[in-house]
């Protein structure tokens, strides 16, 4: 069976657990995601550990956000690890995004628009003109013009972003929760089926899979539900 378009967030307490989770889910999903905490704790070794022998795609979610020269150096440094996807913050601006794109030509640069943990009130407090859907659309257009080939946005905005940027841009949606799952610190959420129907290409799912007694079975169940819905 074809693996489902899911990136499993390996937010594990240690490298061994992350590698175990990756091995359990890779028959069922296309991608595993390494976040900031795991990467800072174990460094580049984590990429080889979670990739294993399967050759699963690795999504390196570092959300780089700095001056263009610094981001260029950071993107160049991690590009040698061959991640399929590397994230930067869209809020870093055009020159910063372009620096990442040019420094990691064989990696898909994904610009993070507005974090799924932020509410409309939060946006106002940090000085971003809302509503969230408008802010996401503005950042999406800016990022694509700067050369980003992927965007990260919540399920609530994915249909509008798809209409704005067209079919050639990969849309990645965190904040995806199966029915009945705890939303935890995510605010703008949707089910996997709804996110795909609205135009998402890759669903980021973490705790509903990795927090299950059997992460492999949980990944298989969500993958099966997506096949039934397609």
N, C-alpha and C. Protein backbone atom coordinates (compact mmCIF):
# COMPACT_ATOMS: atom_id res chain seq x y z
N UNK A 1 0.84 -1.20 0.00
CA UNK A 1 0.00 0.00 0.00
C UNK A 1 0.87 1.25 0.00
N UNK A 2 0.41 2.28 -0.68
CA UNK A 2 1.14 3.54 -0.72
C UNK A 2 1.09 4.22 0.63
N UNK A 3 2.23 4.67 1.14
CA UNK A 3 2.22 5.37 2.43
C UNK A 3 1.37 6.63 2.36
N UNK A 4 0.77 6.99 3.48
CA UNK A 4 -0.10 8.17 3.54
C UNK A 4 0.74 9.44 3.62
N UNK A 5 0.19 10.57 3.13
CA UNK A 5 0.93 11.85 3.15
C UNK A 5 0.91 12.46 4.55
N UNK A 6 1.58 11.80 5.45
CA UNK A 6 1.64 12.21 6.86
C UNK A 6 3.10 12.37 7.26
N UNK A 7 3.40 13.45 7.98
CA UNK A 7 4.70 13.63 8.61
C UNK A 7 4.50 13.41 10.10
N UNK A 8 5.05 12.33 10.63
CA UNK A 8 4.90 12.05 12.06
C UNK A 8 5.93 12.86 12.84
N UNK A 9 5.43 13.69 13.75
CA UNK A 9 6.31 14.52 14.56
C UNK A 9 6.95 13.67 15.65
N UNK A 10 8.26 13.49 15.55
CA UNK A 10 8.98 12.63 16.50
C UNK A 10 9.46 13.46 17.69
N UNK A 11 8.51 13.96 18.46
CA UNK A 11 8.86 14.77 19.63
C UNK A 11 9.12 13.84 20.81
N UNK A 12 10.26 13.13 20.71
CA UNK A 12 10.58 12.07 21.67
C UNK A 12 11.52 12.60 22.75
N UNK A 13 11.54 11.92 23.91
CA UNK A 13 12.43 12.34 24.99
C UNK A 13 13.88 11.97 24.76
N UNK A 14 14.14 11.02 23.86
CA UNK A 14 15.51 10.61 23.60
C UNK A 14 15.62 10.03 22.19
N UNK A 15 16.86 9.87 21.76
CA UNK A 15 17.12 9.45 20.39
C UNK A 15 16.62 8.04 20.11
N UNK A 16 16.76 7.15 21.08
CA UNK A 16 16.33 5.77 20.89
C UNK A 16 14.83 5.68 20.66
N UNK A 17 14.08 6.46 21.44
CA UNK A 17 12.62 6.46 21.27
C UNK A 17 12.23 7.02 19.92
N UNK A 18 12.89 8.09 19.51
CA UNK A 18 12.59 8.69 18.21
C UNK A 18 12.84 7.70 17.08
N UNK A 19 13.97 6.98 17.16
CA UNK A 19 14.29 6.00 16.12
C UNK A 19 13.29 4.85 16.13
N UNK A 20 12.86 4.45 17.32
CA UNK A 20 11.88 3.36 17.42
C UNK A 20 10.54 3.79 16.81
N UNK A 21 10.08 4.99 17.16
CA UNK A 21 8.84 5.50 16.59
C UNK A 21 8.94 5.56 15.07
N UNK A 22 10.07 6.06 14.58
CA UNK A 22 10.25 6.17 13.12
C UNK A 22 10.15 4.81 12.45
N UNK A 23 10.79 3.81 13.04
CA UNK A 23 10.75 2.46 12.46
C UNK A 23 9.33 1.90 12.44
N UNK A 24 8.55 2.22 13.47
CA UNK A 24 7.19 1.69 13.57
C UNK A 24 6.25 2.34 12.55
N UNK A 25 6.44 3.62 12.28
CA UNK A 25 5.46 4.33 11.44
C UNK A 25 5.83 4.37 9.97
N UNK A 26 7.12 4.16 9.64
CA UNK A 26 7.53 4.35 8.23
C UNK A 26 6.86 3.42 7.22
N UNK A 27 6.37 2.25 7.60
CA UNK A 27 5.63 1.51 6.56
C UNK A 27 4.33 2.20 6.14
N UNK A 28 3.84 3.13 6.98
CA UNK A 28 2.50 3.67 6.77
C UNK A 28 2.47 5.14 6.36
N UNK A 29 3.59 5.86 6.53
CA UNK A 29 3.62 7.30 6.24
C UNK A 29 4.82 7.62 5.36
N UNK A 30 4.76 8.77 4.71
CA UNK A 30 5.85 9.16 3.79
C UNK A 30 7.01 9.84 4.49
N UNK A 31 6.74 10.43 5.67
CA UNK A 31 7.69 11.40 6.23
C UNK A 31 7.74 11.32 7.74
N UNK A 32 8.91 11.59 8.30
CA UNK A 32 9.03 11.80 9.75
C UNK A 32 9.61 13.19 9.98
N UNK A 33 9.17 13.82 11.04
CA UNK A 33 9.55 15.21 11.32
C UNK A 33 10.43 15.29 12.56
N UNK A 34 11.58 15.92 12.39
CA UNK A 34 12.49 16.17 13.51
C UNK A 34 12.38 17.65 13.87
N UNK A 35 12.03 17.91 15.13
CA UNK A 35 11.85 19.28 15.58
C UNK A 35 13.07 19.84 16.28
N UNK A 36 12.90 21.05 16.77
CA UNK A 36 14.01 21.80 17.35
C UNK A 36 14.61 21.12 18.58
N UNK A 37 13.77 20.63 19.47
CA UNK A 37 14.29 20.05 20.71
C UNK A 37 15.17 18.83 20.43
N UNK A 38 14.67 17.93 19.61
CA UNK A 38 15.42 16.70 19.32
C UNK A 38 16.72 17.03 18.58
N UNK A 39 16.66 17.98 17.64
CA UNK A 39 17.85 18.33 16.88
C UNK A 39 18.89 19.01 17.76
N UNK A 40 18.46 19.88 18.65
CA UNK A 40 19.42 20.56 19.53
C UNK A 40 20.03 19.61 20.55
N UNK A 41 19.28 18.60 20.93
CA UNK A 41 19.80 17.65 21.93
C UNK A 41 20.80 16.68 21.32
N UNK A 42 20.56 16.23 20.09
CA UNK A 42 21.39 15.17 19.52
C UNK A 42 22.16 15.58 18.26
N UNK A 43 21.81 16.73 17.69
CA UNK A 43 22.54 17.21 16.54
C UNK A 43 22.27 16.40 15.27
N UNK A 44 23.18 16.50 14.31
CA UNK A 44 22.97 15.86 13.00
C UNK A 44 22.75 14.35 13.07
N UNK A 45 23.27 13.69 14.12
CA UNK A 45 23.11 12.24 14.22
C UNK A 45 21.65 11.81 14.21
N UNK A 46 20.76 12.70 14.66
CA UNK A 46 19.36 12.33 14.76
C UNK A 46 18.77 12.03 13.38
N UNK A 47 19.27 12.70 12.36
CA UNK A 47 18.72 12.52 11.02
C UNK A 47 18.97 11.09 10.53
N UNK A 48 20.21 10.64 10.66
CA UNK A 48 20.54 9.28 10.23
C UNK A 48 19.78 8.25 11.07
N UNK A 49 19.61 8.54 12.36
CA UNK A 49 18.95 7.58 13.24
C UNK A 49 17.48 7.38 12.87
N UNK A 50 16.78 8.46 12.57
CA UNK A 50 15.35 8.31 12.26
C UNK A 50 15.13 7.91 10.81
N UNK A 51 16.09 8.22 9.94
CA UNK A 51 15.95 7.80 8.54
C UNK A 51 16.13 6.29 8.43
N UNK A 52 17.08 5.74 9.19
CA UNK A 52 17.30 4.31 9.18
C UNK A 52 17.55 3.77 7.79
N UNK A 53 17.21 2.53 7.61
CA UNK A 53 17.42 1.88 6.32
C UNK A 53 16.24 2.11 5.37
N UNK A 54 15.16 2.67 5.88
CA UNK A 54 13.94 2.79 5.08
C UNK A 54 14.03 3.87 4.02
N UNK A 55 14.89 4.87 4.26
CA UNK A 55 14.97 5.98 3.32
C UNK A 55 13.77 6.90 3.38
N UNK A 56 13.01 6.85 4.50
CA UNK A 56 11.85 7.73 4.67
C UNK A 56 12.29 9.18 4.54
N UNK A 57 11.41 10.03 4.03
CA UNK A 57 11.71 11.45 3.93
C UNK A 57 11.80 12.06 5.32
N UNK A 58 12.78 12.94 5.51
CA UNK A 58 12.95 13.62 6.80
C UNK A 58 12.62 15.09 6.64
N UNK A 59 11.72 15.55 7.47
CA UNK A 59 11.26 16.93 7.52
C UNK A 59 11.97 17.56 8.73
N UNK A 60 12.91 18.47 8.45
CA UNK A 60 13.69 19.11 9.52
C UNK A 60 13.03 20.44 9.85
N UNK A 61 12.35 20.45 10.99
CA UNK A 61 11.50 21.58 11.36
C UNK A 61 12.23 22.48 12.36
N UNK A 62 13.16 23.28 11.83
CA UNK A 62 13.96 24.17 12.70
C UNK A 62 13.43 25.59 12.73
N UNK A 63 12.53 25.93 11.81
CA UNK A 63 11.92 27.28 11.77
C UNK A 63 12.99 28.37 11.89
N UNK A 64 13.93 28.35 10.98
CA UNK A 64 15.01 29.33 10.99
C UNK A 64 14.44 30.75 10.85
N UNK A 65 14.99 31.66 11.66
CA UNK A 65 14.48 33.04 11.66
C UNK A 65 15.60 33.95 12.16
N UNK A 66 16.31 34.58 11.22
CA UNK A 66 17.44 35.42 11.59
C UNK A 66 17.74 36.31 10.39
N UNK A 67 18.84 37.04 10.45
CA UNK A 67 19.21 37.85 9.30
C UNK A 67 19.56 36.93 8.13
N UNK A 68 19.42 37.42 6.89
CA UNK A 68 19.61 36.52 5.74
C UNK A 68 20.96 35.80 5.73
N UNK A 69 22.04 36.47 6.08
CA UNK A 69 23.35 35.84 6.04
C UNK A 69 23.44 34.67 7.01
N UNK A 70 22.87 34.85 8.19
CA UNK A 70 22.90 33.77 9.20
C UNK A 70 22.04 32.59 8.76
N UNK A 71 20.88 32.87 8.22
CA UNK A 71 20.00 31.80 7.75
C UNK A 71 20.63 31.07 6.56
N UNK A 72 21.30 31.81 5.71
CA UNK A 72 21.99 31.16 4.58
C UNK A 72 23.02 30.16 5.09
N UNK A 73 23.80 30.56 6.10
CA UNK A 73 24.81 29.66 6.65
C UNK A 73 24.20 28.45 7.32
N UNK A 74 23.11 28.68 8.06
CA UNK A 74 22.44 27.57 8.75
C UNK A 74 21.83 26.60 7.75
N UNK A 75 21.18 27.12 6.72
CA UNK A 75 20.56 26.26 5.70
C UNK A 75 21.63 25.45 4.96
N UNK A 76 22.75 26.09 4.68
CA UNK A 76 23.85 25.40 4.01
C UNK A 76 24.39 24.27 4.89
N UNK A 77 24.46 24.54 6.19
CA UNK A 77 25.01 23.54 7.12
C UNK A 77 24.13 22.31 7.22
N UNK A 78 22.81 22.50 7.25
CA UNK A 78 21.93 21.33 7.39
C UNK A 78 21.60 20.68 6.06
N UNK A 79 21.82 21.37 4.96
CA UNK A 79 21.52 20.79 3.64
C UNK A 79 22.34 19.53 3.38
N UNK A 80 23.53 19.45 3.97
CA UNK A 80 24.37 18.27 3.75
C UNK A 80 23.78 17.02 4.40
N UNK A 81 22.78 17.20 5.29
CA UNK A 81 22.10 16.06 5.92
C UNK A 81 20.98 15.51 5.03
N UNK A 82 20.76 16.18 3.92
CA UNK A 82 19.75 15.78 2.93
C UNK A 82 18.32 15.68 3.50
N UNK A 83 17.89 16.68 4.26
CA UNK A 83 16.47 16.67 4.62
C UNK A 83 15.62 16.94 3.38
N UNK A 84 14.45 16.34 3.34
CA UNK A 84 13.56 16.62 2.21
C UNK A 84 12.95 18.00 2.33
N UNK A 85 12.68 18.41 3.58
CA UNK A 85 12.02 19.68 3.84
C UNK A 85 12.75 20.37 5.00
N UNK A 86 12.92 21.68 4.89
CA UNK A 86 13.48 22.50 5.96
C UNK A 86 12.58 23.72 6.14
N UNK A 87 12.23 24.03 7.38
CA UNK A 87 11.35 25.17 7.62
C UNK A 87 12.11 26.43 8.00
N UNK A 88 11.56 27.56 7.54
CA UNK A 88 11.98 28.89 7.96
C UNK A 88 10.71 29.66 8.33
N UNK A 89 10.87 30.72 9.11
CA UNK A 89 9.71 31.55 9.43
C UNK A 89 9.46 32.55 8.31
N UNK A 90 8.25 32.57 7.78
CA UNK A 90 7.91 33.53 6.74
C UNK A 90 8.09 34.97 7.23
N UNK A 91 7.91 35.17 8.54
CA UNK A 91 8.06 36.50 9.11
C UNK A 91 9.45 37.07 9.01
N UNK A 92 10.43 36.24 8.62
CA UNK A 92 11.79 36.73 8.43
C UNK A 92 11.95 37.58 7.19
N UNK A 93 10.97 37.52 6.30
CA UNK A 93 10.99 38.40 5.14
C UNK A 93 11.57 37.79 3.88
N UNK A 94 11.41 38.52 2.80
CA UNK A 94 11.77 38.04 1.46
C UNK A 94 13.24 37.66 1.34
N UNK A 95 14.13 38.54 1.78
CA UNK A 95 15.57 38.28 1.61
C UNK A 95 16.01 37.06 2.40
N UNK A 96 15.44 36.90 3.59
CA UNK A 96 15.82 35.75 4.41
C UNK A 96 15.35 34.44 3.78
N UNK A 97 14.12 34.40 3.30
CA UNK A 97 13.60 33.19 2.66
C UNK A 97 14.42 32.86 1.42
N UNK A 98 14.71 33.87 0.63
CA UNK A 98 15.50 33.66 -0.59
C UNK A 98 16.89 33.13 -0.25
N UNK A 99 17.47 33.60 0.84
CA UNK A 99 18.79 33.13 1.26
C UNK A 99 18.76 31.64 1.57
N UNK A 100 17.70 31.20 2.24
CA UNK A 100 17.57 29.77 2.56
C UNK A 100 17.40 28.95 1.29
N UNK A 101 16.57 29.42 0.38
CA UNK A 101 16.31 28.71 -0.87
C UNK A 101 17.60 28.55 -1.67
N UNK A 102 18.37 29.62 -1.76
CA UNK A 102 19.59 29.58 -2.56
C UNK A 102 20.69 28.74 -1.92
N UNK A 103 20.66 28.65 -0.57
CA UNK A 103 21.72 27.93 0.15
C UNK A 103 21.44 26.44 0.28
N UNK A 104 20.21 26.03 0.05
CA UNK A 104 19.85 24.60 0.14
C UNK A 104 19.04 24.22 -1.10
N UNK A 105 19.69 24.22 -2.26
CA UNK A 105 18.95 24.05 -3.53
C UNK A 105 18.28 22.70 -3.71
N UNK A 106 18.74 21.68 -2.98
CA UNK A 106 18.15 20.35 -3.15
C UNK A 106 17.17 20.00 -2.03
N UNK A 107 16.84 20.98 -1.20
CA UNK A 107 15.90 20.80 -0.10
C UNK A 107 14.69 21.70 -0.33
N UNK A 108 13.51 21.18 -0.07
CA UNK A 108 12.29 21.98 -0.20
C UNK A 108 12.22 22.93 1.00
N UNK A 109 12.26 24.22 0.74
CA UNK A 109 12.16 25.21 1.81
C UNK A 109 10.68 25.52 2.05
N UNK A 110 10.25 25.26 3.29
CA UNK A 110 8.85 25.48 3.67
C UNK A 110 8.78 26.69 4.60
N UNK A 111 8.03 27.68 4.20
CA UNK A 111 7.88 28.88 5.02
C UNK A 111 6.69 28.72 5.97
N UNK A 112 6.95 28.89 7.25
CA UNK A 112 5.90 28.79 8.27
C UNK A 112 5.19 30.14 8.34
N UNK A 113 3.89 30.14 8.12
CA UNK A 113 3.14 31.40 8.09
C UNK A 113 2.81 31.86 9.52
N UNK A 114 1.72 31.37 10.07
CA UNK A 114 1.34 31.73 11.45
C UNK A 114 1.24 30.43 12.25
N UNK A 115 1.91 30.36 13.39
CA UNK A 115 1.89 29.15 14.20
C UNK A 115 0.47 28.76 14.59
N UNK A 116 0.19 27.46 14.57
CA UNK A 116 -1.16 26.99 14.88
C UNK A 116 -1.53 27.17 16.35
N UNK A 117 -0.56 27.51 17.18
CA UNK A 117 -0.85 27.74 18.60
C UNK A 117 -1.35 29.16 18.86
N UNK A 118 -1.29 30.04 17.86
CA UNK A 118 -1.67 31.44 18.06
C UNK A 118 -3.14 31.68 17.75
N UNK A 119 -3.79 32.42 18.63
CA UNK A 119 -5.18 32.80 18.43
C UNK A 119 -5.23 34.19 17.78
N UNK A 120 -6.43 34.61 17.42
CA UNK A 120 -6.59 35.95 16.86
C UNK A 120 -6.11 37.01 17.86
N UNK A 121 -6.43 36.82 19.13
CA UNK A 121 -6.01 37.78 20.16
C UNK A 121 -4.49 37.83 20.27
N UNK A 122 -3.84 36.67 20.14
CA UNK A 122 -2.38 36.62 20.19
C UNK A 122 -1.76 37.45 19.07
N UNK A 123 -2.34 37.36 17.88
CA UNK A 123 -1.80 38.10 16.74
C UNK A 123 -1.82 39.59 17.02
N UNK A 124 -2.91 40.08 17.57
CA UNK A 124 -3.01 41.49 17.91
C UNK A 124 -1.96 41.91 18.92
N UNK A 125 -1.72 41.06 19.90
CA UNK A 125 -0.76 41.40 20.95
C UNK A 125 0.67 41.46 20.44
N UNK A 126 0.98 40.67 19.39
CA UNK A 126 2.35 40.72 18.87
C UNK A 126 2.47 41.62 17.64
N UNK A 127 1.39 42.35 17.35
CA UNK A 127 1.46 43.38 16.33
C UNK A 127 1.26 42.92 14.90
N UNK A 128 0.64 41.74 14.71
CA UNK A 128 0.36 41.25 13.36
C UNK A 128 -1.09 41.56 13.03
N UNK A 129 -1.29 42.27 11.93
CA UNK A 129 -2.65 42.62 11.52
C UNK A 129 -3.40 41.37 11.11
N UNK A 130 -4.53 41.15 11.74
CA UNK A 130 -5.35 39.98 11.44
C UNK A 130 -6.47 40.34 10.49
N UNK A 131 -7.48 39.48 10.37
CA UNK A 131 -7.56 38.17 11.02
C UNK A 131 -6.48 37.21 10.53
N UNK A 132 -6.38 36.06 11.23
CA UNK A 132 -5.31 35.11 10.94
C UNK A 132 -5.29 34.70 9.46
N UNK A 133 -6.46 34.48 8.88
CA UNK A 133 -6.51 34.03 7.49
C UNK A 133 -5.86 35.05 6.55
N UNK A 134 -6.06 36.34 6.82
CA UNK A 134 -5.46 37.38 5.99
C UNK A 134 -3.95 37.42 6.18
N UNK A 135 -3.52 37.31 7.43
CA UNK A 135 -2.08 37.32 7.71
C UNK A 135 -1.39 36.13 7.04
N UNK A 136 -2.01 34.97 7.12
CA UNK A 136 -1.45 33.78 6.49
C UNK A 136 -1.35 33.96 4.98
N UNK A 137 -2.39 34.49 4.37
CA UNK A 137 -2.38 34.70 2.92
C UNK A 137 -1.27 35.65 2.50
N UNK A 138 -1.12 36.75 3.25
CA UNK A 138 -0.06 37.72 2.93
C UNK A 138 1.32 37.06 3.00
N UNK A 139 1.56 36.32 4.08
CA UNK A 139 2.86 35.68 4.25
C UNK A 139 3.09 34.58 3.21
N UNK A 140 2.02 33.89 2.83
CA UNK A 140 2.13 32.84 1.81
C UNK A 140 2.58 33.43 0.48
N UNK A 141 1.97 34.51 0.07
CA UNK A 141 2.32 35.15 -1.21
C UNK A 141 3.76 35.64 -1.17
N UNK A 142 4.13 36.31 -0.08
CA UNK A 142 5.50 36.81 0.07
C UNK A 142 6.51 35.67 -0.04
N UNK A 143 6.21 34.56 0.62
CA UNK A 143 7.15 33.43 0.67
C UNK A 143 7.33 32.80 -0.70
N UNK A 144 6.23 32.62 -1.41
CA UNK A 144 6.31 32.02 -2.75
C UNK A 144 7.08 32.93 -3.70
N UNK A 145 6.85 34.22 -3.59
CA UNK A 145 7.58 35.17 -4.43
C UNK A 145 9.08 35.12 -4.14
N UNK A 146 9.43 34.77 -2.88
CA UNK A 146 10.83 34.69 -2.49
C UNK A 146 11.47 33.35 -2.87
N UNK A 147 10.67 32.42 -3.39
CA UNK A 147 11.21 31.15 -3.87
C UNK A 147 10.87 29.93 -3.04
N UNK A 148 10.14 30.11 -1.94
CA UNK A 148 9.72 28.94 -1.15
C UNK A 148 8.82 28.06 -1.99
N UNK A 149 9.04 26.74 -1.90
CA UNK A 149 8.21 25.81 -2.68
C UNK A 149 7.22 25.05 -1.80
N UNK A 150 7.20 25.40 -0.51
CA UNK A 150 6.23 24.81 0.42
C UNK A 150 5.84 25.85 1.45
N UNK A 151 4.66 25.67 2.00
CA UNK A 151 4.14 26.58 3.02
C UNK A 151 3.56 25.76 4.16
N UNK A 152 3.69 26.27 5.37
CA UNK A 152 3.08 25.64 6.53
C UNK A 152 1.98 26.56 7.02
N UNK A 153 0.75 26.04 7.05
CA UNK A 153 -0.38 26.83 7.53
C UNK A 153 -1.36 25.90 8.23
N UNK A 154 -2.23 26.46 9.05
CA UNK A 154 -3.19 25.62 9.76
C UNK A 154 -4.26 25.11 8.80
N UNK A 155 -4.97 24.05 9.19
CA UNK A 155 -6.05 23.54 8.33
C UNK A 155 -7.11 24.58 8.03
N UNK A 156 -7.29 25.55 8.93
CA UNK A 156 -8.32 26.57 8.72
C UNK A 156 -8.02 27.44 7.50
N UNK A 157 -6.74 27.61 7.17
CA UNK A 157 -6.37 28.51 6.09
C UNK A 157 -5.98 27.79 4.80
N UNK A 158 -5.90 26.46 4.83
CA UNK A 158 -5.29 25.77 3.71
C UNK A 158 -6.06 25.96 2.40
N UNK A 159 -7.38 25.98 2.45
CA UNK A 159 -8.15 26.15 1.21
C UNK A 159 -7.91 27.53 0.60
N UNK A 160 -7.89 28.56 1.44
CA UNK A 160 -7.65 29.92 0.93
C UNK A 160 -6.24 30.06 0.40
N UNK A 161 -5.27 29.44 1.07
CA UNK A 161 -3.88 29.52 0.60
C UNK A 161 -3.73 28.78 -0.72
N UNK A 162 -4.36 27.62 -0.84
CA UNK A 162 -4.31 26.88 -2.09
C UNK A 162 -4.85 27.72 -3.24
N UNK A 163 -5.95 28.41 -3.00
CA UNK A 163 -6.54 29.25 -4.04
C UNK A 163 -5.60 30.40 -4.41
N UNK A 164 -4.83 30.86 -3.44
CA UNK A 164 -3.93 32.00 -3.65
C UNK A 164 -2.66 31.61 -4.39
N UNK A 165 -2.07 30.45 -4.06
CA UNK A 165 -0.74 30.12 -4.59
C UNK A 165 -0.74 29.07 -5.69
N UNK A 166 -1.87 28.43 -5.93
CA UNK A 166 -1.95 27.44 -7.00
C UNK A 166 -1.52 26.05 -6.58
N UNK A 167 -1.43 25.16 -7.55
CA UNK A 167 -1.24 23.74 -7.28
C UNK A 167 0.21 23.31 -7.12
N UNK A 168 1.16 24.15 -7.53
CA UNK A 168 2.56 23.72 -7.55
C UNK A 168 3.27 23.84 -6.20
N UNK A 169 2.65 24.51 -5.25
CA UNK A 169 3.26 24.72 -3.93
C UNK A 169 2.76 23.64 -2.97
N UNK A 170 3.68 23.02 -2.26
CA UNK A 170 3.33 22.00 -1.27
C UNK A 170 2.78 22.67 -0.01
N UNK A 171 1.58 22.27 0.39
CA UNK A 171 0.97 22.83 1.60
C UNK A 171 1.04 21.81 2.73
N UNK A 172 1.67 22.21 3.82
CA UNK A 172 1.88 21.36 4.98
C UNK A 172 1.02 21.88 6.12
N UNK A 173 0.25 21.00 6.72
CA UNK A 173 -0.66 21.45 7.77
C UNK A 173 -0.43 20.74 9.09
N UNK A 174 0.08 21.48 10.08
CA UNK A 174 0.05 20.99 11.45
C UNK A 174 -1.35 21.24 12.02
N UNK A 175 -1.54 20.94 13.30
CA UNK A 175 -2.86 21.15 13.88
C UNK A 175 -3.87 20.15 13.37
N UNK A 176 -3.39 18.96 12.97
CA UNK A 176 -4.29 17.92 12.46
C UNK A 176 -4.55 16.93 13.58
N UNK A 177 -5.82 16.71 13.87
CA UNK A 177 -6.20 15.83 14.97
C UNK A 177 -7.35 14.91 14.53
N UNK A 178 -7.18 13.59 14.64
CA UNK A 178 -8.31 12.70 14.36
C UNK A 178 -9.48 13.01 15.29
N UNK A 179 -10.67 12.66 14.86
CA UNK A 179 -11.85 12.89 15.69
C UNK A 179 -11.66 12.27 17.08
N UNK A 180 -11.98 13.06 18.10
CA UNK A 180 -11.87 12.56 19.47
C UNK A 180 -10.53 12.78 20.11
N UNK A 181 -9.52 13.20 19.33
CA UNK A 181 -8.19 13.42 19.91
C UNK A 181 -8.15 14.76 20.63
N UNK A 182 -7.32 14.84 21.66
CA UNK A 182 -7.13 16.06 22.42
C UNK A 182 -6.39 17.07 21.55
N UNK A 183 -6.90 18.33 21.51
CA UNK A 183 -6.22 19.35 20.69
C UNK A 183 -4.97 19.88 21.38
N UNK A 184 -4.84 19.72 22.69
CA UNK A 184 -3.68 20.13 23.47
C UNK A 184 -3.34 21.59 23.18
N UNK A 185 -2.10 21.93 22.77
CA UNK A 185 -1.74 23.34 22.62
C UNK A 185 -2.03 23.88 21.22
N UNK A 186 -2.74 23.12 20.40
CA UNK A 186 -3.11 23.60 19.07
C UNK A 186 -4.48 24.27 19.15
N UNK A 187 -4.62 25.38 18.42
CA UNK A 187 -5.88 26.12 18.45
C UNK A 187 -6.65 25.97 17.14
N UNK A 188 -5.97 26.14 16.02
CA UNK A 188 -6.64 26.08 14.72
C UNK A 188 -6.42 24.68 14.16
N UNK A 189 -7.40 23.79 14.35
CA UNK A 189 -7.23 22.37 14.05
C UNK A 189 -8.31 21.86 13.10
N UNK A 190 -8.07 20.64 12.55
CA UNK A 190 -9.06 19.95 11.72
C UNK A 190 -8.71 18.48 11.70
N UNK A 191 -9.63 17.66 11.21
CA UNK A 191 -9.36 16.23 11.07
C UNK A 191 -8.46 16.01 9.85
N UNK A 192 -7.76 14.88 9.80
CA UNK A 192 -6.92 14.59 8.63
C UNK A 192 -7.72 14.59 7.32
N UNK A 193 -8.90 14.00 7.35
CA UNK A 193 -9.71 13.91 6.13
C UNK A 193 -10.09 15.31 5.62
N UNK A 194 -10.48 16.19 6.56
CA UNK A 194 -10.89 17.54 6.17
C UNK A 194 -9.71 18.33 5.63
N UNK A 195 -8.54 18.20 6.27
CA UNK A 195 -7.36 18.95 5.83
C UNK A 195 -6.97 18.55 4.40
N UNK A 196 -7.00 17.25 4.09
CA UNK A 196 -6.68 16.81 2.73
C UNK A 196 -7.72 17.28 1.74
N UNK A 197 -8.99 17.22 2.13
CA UNK A 197 -10.06 17.65 1.24
C UNK A 197 -9.93 19.13 0.91
N UNK A 198 -9.41 19.91 1.84
CA UNK A 198 -9.28 21.35 1.64
C UNK A 198 -8.04 21.73 0.84
N UNK A 199 -7.17 20.74 0.56
CA UNK A 199 -6.03 21.04 -0.31
C UNK A 199 -4.67 20.82 0.28
N UNK A 200 -4.58 20.27 1.50
CA UNK A 200 -3.27 20.00 2.09
C UNK A 200 -2.57 18.87 1.34
N UNK A 201 -1.24 18.94 1.28
CA UNK A 201 -0.43 17.88 0.66
C UNK A 201 0.23 16.97 1.69
N UNK A 202 0.54 17.52 2.86
CA UNK A 202 1.25 16.77 3.89
C UNK A 202 0.69 17.17 5.25
N UNK A 203 0.26 16.18 6.02
CA UNK A 203 -0.35 16.42 7.33
C UNK A 203 0.67 16.13 8.43
N UNK A 204 0.88 17.07 9.32
CA UNK A 204 1.77 16.86 10.46
C UNK A 204 0.94 16.34 11.63
N UNK A 205 1.24 15.14 12.07
CA UNK A 205 0.53 14.52 13.19
C UNK A 205 1.57 13.98 14.16
N UNK A 206 1.44 14.35 15.41
CA UNK A 206 2.40 13.90 16.41
C UNK A 206 1.78 13.02 17.47
N UNK A 207 1.31 13.63 18.54
CA UNK A 207 0.88 12.89 19.72
C UNK A 207 -0.26 11.90 19.48
N UNK A 208 -1.21 12.16 18.57
CA UNK A 208 -2.21 11.11 18.32
C UNK A 208 -1.60 9.79 17.82
N UNK A 209 -0.40 9.86 17.24
CA UNK A 209 0.31 8.65 16.80
C UNK A 209 1.35 8.23 17.83
N UNK A 210 2.25 9.13 18.18
CA UNK A 210 3.37 8.74 19.05
C UNK A 210 2.94 8.52 20.50
N UNK A 211 1.79 9.10 20.88
CA UNK A 211 1.30 8.90 22.24
C UNK A 211 0.41 7.67 22.39
N UNK A 212 0.17 6.97 21.27
CA UNK A 212 -0.66 5.76 21.30
C UNK A 212 0.14 4.58 21.85
N UNK A 213 -0.54 3.59 22.42
CA UNK A 213 0.18 2.40 22.91
C UNK A 213 1.01 1.73 21.83
N UNK A 214 0.50 1.75 20.60
CA UNK A 214 1.23 1.19 19.46
C UNK A 214 1.26 2.24 18.34
N UNK A 215 2.34 3.04 18.25
CA UNK A 215 2.38 4.10 17.24
C UNK A 215 2.22 3.58 15.81
N UNK A 216 2.75 2.39 15.54
CA UNK A 216 2.61 1.83 14.20
C UNK A 216 1.16 1.57 13.85
N UNK A 217 0.42 0.99 14.79
CA UNK A 217 -1.00 0.71 14.56
C UNK A 217 -1.79 2.00 14.42
N UNK A 218 -1.44 3.02 15.22
CA UNK A 218 -2.14 4.30 15.13
C UNK A 218 -1.90 4.94 13.77
N UNK A 219 -0.66 4.90 13.29
CA UNK A 219 -0.35 5.46 11.97
C UNK A 219 -1.09 4.69 10.88
N UNK A 220 -1.14 3.37 11.00
CA UNK A 220 -1.83 2.55 10.01
C UNK A 220 -3.32 2.87 9.98
N UNK A 221 -3.91 3.10 11.15
CA UNK A 221 -5.35 3.39 11.23
C UNK A 221 -5.67 4.72 10.56
N UNK A 222 -4.84 5.74 10.82
CA UNK A 222 -5.09 7.05 10.20
C UNK A 222 -4.87 6.96 8.70
N UNK A 223 -3.83 6.24 8.27
CA UNK A 223 -3.58 6.06 6.84
C UNK A 223 -4.77 5.38 6.16
N UNK A 224 -5.32 4.37 6.82
CA UNK A 224 -6.46 3.65 6.27
C UNK A 224 -7.67 4.55 6.14
N UNK A 225 -7.88 5.42 7.14
CA UNK A 225 -9.04 6.32 7.10
C UNK A 225 -8.89 7.32 5.95
N UNK A 226 -7.66 7.74 5.67
CA UNK A 226 -7.45 8.66 4.55
C UNK A 226 -7.70 7.97 3.21
N UNK A 227 -7.30 6.70 3.11
CA UNK A 227 -7.55 5.98 1.85
C UNK A 227 -9.05 5.80 1.63
N UNK A 228 -9.79 5.53 2.71
CA UNK A 228 -11.24 5.38 2.56
C UNK A 228 -11.89 6.69 2.15
N UNK A 229 -11.36 7.80 2.62
CA UNK A 229 -11.96 9.10 2.34
C UNK A 229 -11.62 9.61 0.95
N UNK A 230 -10.54 9.08 0.35
CA UNK A 230 -10.09 9.62 -0.95
C UNK A 230 -10.92 9.05 -2.09
